[in-house]
Amino acid sequence: MTIVTNITIALVAALHFSFLVLEMFLWHRPVGLKVFNQSLEQARSTKVLAANMGLYNGFLAAGLIWGLSLGNSGLGVLTFFLCCVLIAGLFGAFTASRKILYVQAMPAAVGLVLLWLQ
C-alpha cells in the first residue's frame, strides 16, 4: 500500500478514535456540548446512548488499525472496515446531520478509492 493510502486510512481511524473520546468521555462536558450542539440536560439524558456509539466508533478505529498492521495482507480487513465507516456515515448524513457526510463518509470513501487504485 502507498504511504498516502496508509496515512488516509490512519486519519480515518484517528477520527473514529476521537469520536470514541467525544462520545464516551466528553459528551456532557463543554466541548461535547459544543460539538454536538446540545444542552447539558440533553447530554445527561443521552449519556449512555452516546457511550454506546463511542464504543462502536472505537471498534471501527481498531479494525482499521488492525488492517493497517497487516500490511498488504490487510486489504480485505481494510475494505470491510472502510465500508462500515462509509455506510455508517451515509446513514448518519440522511438521518441525523448532513455534516456527517463530509466528516465521516467522505474520508472513508477516499480511503476506499485509494486502497483499490493501488
C-alpha atoms as a PDB file:
ATOM      1  CA  MET A   1       0.000   0.000   0.000  1.00  0.00           C
ATOM      2  CA  THR A   2       1.155   3.528  -0.675  1.00  0.00           C
ATOM      3  CA  ILE A   3       2.068   5.954   2.049  1.00  0.00           C
ATOM      4  CA  VAL A   4      -0.802   8.267   1.007  1.00  0.00           C
ATOM      5  CA  THR A   5      -3.282   5.397   1.355  1.00  0.00           C
ATOM      6  CA  ASN A   6      -1.901   4.395   4.757  1.00  0.00           C
ATOM      7  CA  ILE A   7      -1.997   7.983   6.017  1.00  0.00           C
ATOM      8  CA  THR A   8      -5.557   8.469   4.783  1.00  0.00           C
ATOM      9  CA  ILE A   9      -6.747   5.276   6.472  1.00  0.00           C
ATOM     10  CA  ALA A  10      -4.836   6.157   9.659  1.00  0.00           C
ATOM     11  CA  LEU A  11      -6.583   9.553   9.668  1.00  0.00           C
ATOM     12  CA  VAL A  12      -9.982   7.839   9.355  1.00  0.00           C
ATOM     13  CA  ALA A  13      -9.005   5.617  12.295  1.00  0.00           C
ATOM     14  CA  ALA A  14      -7.864   8.655  14.315  1.00  0.00           C
ATOM     15  CA  LEU A  15     -11.120  10.405  13.511  1.00  0.00           C
ATOM     16  CA  HIS A  16     -13.109   7.464  14.863  1.00  0.00           C
ATOM     17  CA  PHE A  17     -10.928   7.254  17.936  1.00  0.00           C
ATOM     18  CA  SER A  18     -11.677  10.951  18.534  1.00  0.00           C
ATOM     19  CA  PHE A  19     -15.404  10.149  18.180  1.00  0.00           C
ATOM     20  CA  LEU A  20     -14.913   7.492  20.866  1.00  0.00           C
ATOM     21  CA  VAL A  21     -13.378  10.063  23.209  1.00  0.00           C
ATOM     22  CA  LEU A  22     -16.051  12.662  22.473  1.00  0.00           C
ATOM     23  CA  GLU A  23     -18.980  10.286  22.856  1.00  0.00           C
ATOM     24  CA  MET A  24     -17.747   8.195  25.780  1.00  0.00           C
ATOM     25  CA  PHE A  25     -15.925  10.759  27.906  1.00  0.00           C
ATOM     26  CA  LEU A  26     -16.709  14.321  26.770  1.00  0.00           C
ATOM     27  CA  TRP A  27     -20.388  14.045  25.793  1.00  0.00           C
ATOM     28  CA  HIS A  28     -21.641  16.053  28.788  1.00  0.00           C
ATOM     29  CA  ARG A  29     -18.584  18.313  29.093  1.00  0.00           C
ATOM     30  CA  PRO A  30     -18.373  21.782  27.490  1.00  0.00           C
ATOM     31  CA  VAL A  31     -16.507  20.541  24.392  1.00  0.00           C
ATOM     32  CA  GLY A  32     -19.031  17.739  23.819  1.00  0.00           C
ATOM     33  CA  LEU A  33     -21.954  20.086  24.313  1.00  0.00           C
ATOM     34  CA  LYS A  34     -20.492  22.477  21.753  1.00  0.00           C
ATOM     35  CA  VAL A  35     -19.547  19.824  19.170  1.00  0.00           C
ATOM     36  CA  PHE A  36     -22.967  18.172  19.315  1.00  0.00           C
ATOM     37  CA  ASN A  37     -24.890  21.432  19.842  1.00  0.00           C
ATOM     38  CA  GLN A  38     -26.893  20.231  22.813  1.00  0.00           C
ATOM     39  CA  SER A  39     -27.860  21.338  26.278  1.00  0.00           C
ATOM     40  CA  LEU A  40     -26.450  19.791  29.431  1.00  0.00           C
ATOM     41  CA  GLU A  41     -29.892  18.322  30.136  1.00  0.00           C
ATOM     42  CA  GLN A  42     -29.997  16.645  26.711  1.00  0.00           C
ATOM     43  CA  ALA A  43     -26.472  15.334  27.169  1.00  0.00           C
ATOM     44  CA  ARG A  44     -27.219  13.884  30.574  1.00  0.00           C
ATOM     45  CA  SER A  45     -30.326  12.103  29.315  1.00  0.00           C
ATOM     46  CA  THR A  46     -28.462  10.576  26.346  1.00  0.00           C
ATOM     47  CA  LYS A  47     -25.117   9.880  28.004  1.00  0.00           C
ATOM     48  CA  VAL A  48     -25.489   6.068  27.976  1.00  0.00           C
ATOM     49  CA  LEU A  49     -26.564   6.075  24.336  1.00  0.00           C
ATOM     50  CA  ALA A  50     -23.591   8.266  23.411  1.00  0.00           C
ATOM     51  CA  ALA A  51     -21.174   5.956  25.236  1.00  0.00           C
ATOM     52  CA  ASN A  52     -22.558   3.067  23.213  1.00  0.00           C
ATOM     53  CA  MET A  53     -21.987   4.990  19.966  1.00  0.00           C
ATOM     54  CA  GLY A  54     -18.475   5.820  21.102  1.00  0.00           C
ATOM     55  CA  LEU A  55     -17.697   2.169  21.737  1.00  0.00           C
ATOM     56  CA  TYR A  56     -18.776   1.269  18.196  1.00  0.00           C
ATOM     57  CA  ASN A  57     -16.572   4.031  16.817  1.00  0.00           C
ATOM     58  CA  GLY A  58     -13.706   2.567  18.796  1.00  0.00           C
ATOM     59  CA  PHE A  59     -14.287  -0.804  17.136  1.00  0.00           C
ATOM     60  CA  LEU A  60     -14.142   0.863  13.718  1.00  0.00           C
ATOM     61  CA  ALA A  61     -10.861   2.563  14.618  1.00  0.00           C
ATOM     62  CA  ALA A  62      -9.426  -0.691  15.984  1.00  0.00           C
ATOM     63  CA  GLY A  63     -10.403  -2.567  12.828  1.00  0.00           C
ATOM     64  CA  LEU A  64      -8.698  -0.005  10.625  1.00  0.00           C
ATOM     65  CA  ILE A  65      -5.530  -0.095  12.733  1.00  0.00           C
ATOM     66  CA  TRP A  66      -5.620  -3.899  12.616  1.00  0.00           C
ATOM     67  CA  GLY A  67      -5.938  -3.812   8.827  1.00  0.00           C
ATOM     68  CA  LEU A  68      -3.036  -1.380   8.536  1.00  0.00           C
ATOM     69  CA  SER A  69      -0.900  -3.580  10.772  1.00  0.00           C
ATOM     70  CA  LEU A  70      -1.368  -6.486   8.345  1.00  0.00           C
ATOM     71  CA  GLY A  71       0.331  -4.580   5.523  1.00  0.00           C
ATOM     72  CA  ASN A  72      -0.565  -5.811   2.054  1.00  0.00           C
ATOM     73  CA  SER A  73      -2.438  -8.758   3.578  1.00  0.00           C
ATOM     74  CA  GLY A  74      -4.899  -6.343   5.180  1.00  0.00           C
ATOM     75  CA  LEU A  75      -6.754  -5.391   2.000  1.00  0.00           C
ATOM     76  CA  GLY A  76      -9.893  -7.344   2.926  1.00  0.00           C
ATOM     77  CA  VAL A  77      -9.937  -6.117   6.522  1.00  0.00           C
ATOM     78  CA  LEU A  78      -9.451  -2.506   5.437  1.00  0.00           C
ATOM     79  CA  THR A  79     -12.114  -2.794   2.762  1.00  0.00           C
ATOM     80  CA  PHE A  80     -14.599  -4.200   5.276  1.00  0.00           C
ATOM     81  CA  PHE A  81     -13.999  -1.546   7.932  1.00  0.00           C
ATOM     82  CA  LEU A  82     -13.891   1.349   5.468  1.00  0.00           C
ATOM     83  CA  CYS A  83     -17.210   0.119   4.021  1.00  0.00           C
ATOM     84  CA  CYS A  84     -18.636   0.013   7.557  1.00  0.00           C
ATOM     85  CA  VAL A  85     -17.499   3.601   8.148  1.00  0.00           C
ATOM     86  CA  LEU A  86     -18.885   4.707   4.781  1.00  0.00           C
ATOM     87  CA  ILE A  87     -22.287   3.086   5.365  1.00  0.00           C
ATOM     88  CA  ALA A  88     -22.493   4.497   8.896  1.00  0.00           C
ATOM     89  CA  GLY A  89     -21.585   7.934   7.544  1.00  0.00           C
ATOM     90  CA  LEU A  90     -24.218   7.767   4.814  1.00  0.00           C
ATOM     91  CA  PHE A  91     -26.858   6.623   7.285  1.00  0.00           C
ATOM     92  CA  GLY A  92     -25.914   9.402   9.690  1.00  0.00           C
ATOM     93  CA  ALA A  93     -25.983  12.004   6.931  1.00  0.00           C
ATOM     94  CA  PHE A  94     -29.510  11.015   5.929  1.00  0.00           C
ATOM     95  CA  THR A  95     -30.903  10.559   9.446  1.00  0.00           C
ATOM     96  CA  ALA A  96     -29.018  12.948  11.732  1.00  0.00           C
ATOM     97  CA  SER A  97     -26.932  15.654  10.029  1.00  0.00           C
ATOM     98  CA  ARG A  98     -25.687  16.302   6.513  1.00  0.00           C
ATOM     99  CA  LYS A  99     -22.358  17.303   8.092  1.00  0.00           C
ATOM    100  CA  ILE A 100     -21.679  13.603   8.789  1.00  0.00           C
ATOM    101  CA  LEU A 101     -21.437  13.044   5.034  1.00  0.00           C
ATOM    102  CA  TYR A 102     -18.320  15.212   4.922  1.00  0.00           C
ATOM    103  CA  VAL A 103     -16.813  14.340   8.304  1.00  0.00           C
ATOM    104  CA  GLN A 104     -17.257  10.557   8.218  1.00  0.00           C
ATOM    105  CA  ALA A 105     -18.436   9.199   4.864  1.00  0.00           C
ATOM    106  CA  MET A 106     -16.198  11.241   2.556  1.00  0.00           C
ATOM    107  CA  PRO A 107     -12.878  10.328   4.244  1.00  0.00           C
ATOM    108  CA  ALA A 108     -13.868   6.639   4.196  1.00  0.00           C
ATOM    109  CA  ALA A 109     -14.791   6.867   0.508  1.00  0.00           C
ATOM    110  CA  VAL A 110     -11.448   8.494  -0.287  1.00  0.00           C
ATOM    111  CA  GLY A 111      -9.666   5.756   1.673  1.00  0.00           C
ATOM    112  CA  LEU A 112     -11.546   3.061  -0.247  1.00  0.00           C
ATOM    113  CA  VAL A 113     -10.740   4.614  -3.613  1.00  0.00           C
ATOM    114  CA  LEU A 114      -7.067   4.964  -2.736  1.00  0.00           C
ATOM    115  CA  LEU A 115      -6.984   1.413  -1.409  1.00  0.00           C
ATOM    116  CA  TRP A 116      -8.452  -0.065  -4.568  1.00  0.00           C
ATOM    117  CA  LEU A 117      -6.475   2.105  -7.030  1.00  0.00           C
ATOM    118  CA  GLN A 118      -3.161   0.570  -5.992  1.00  0.00           C
END
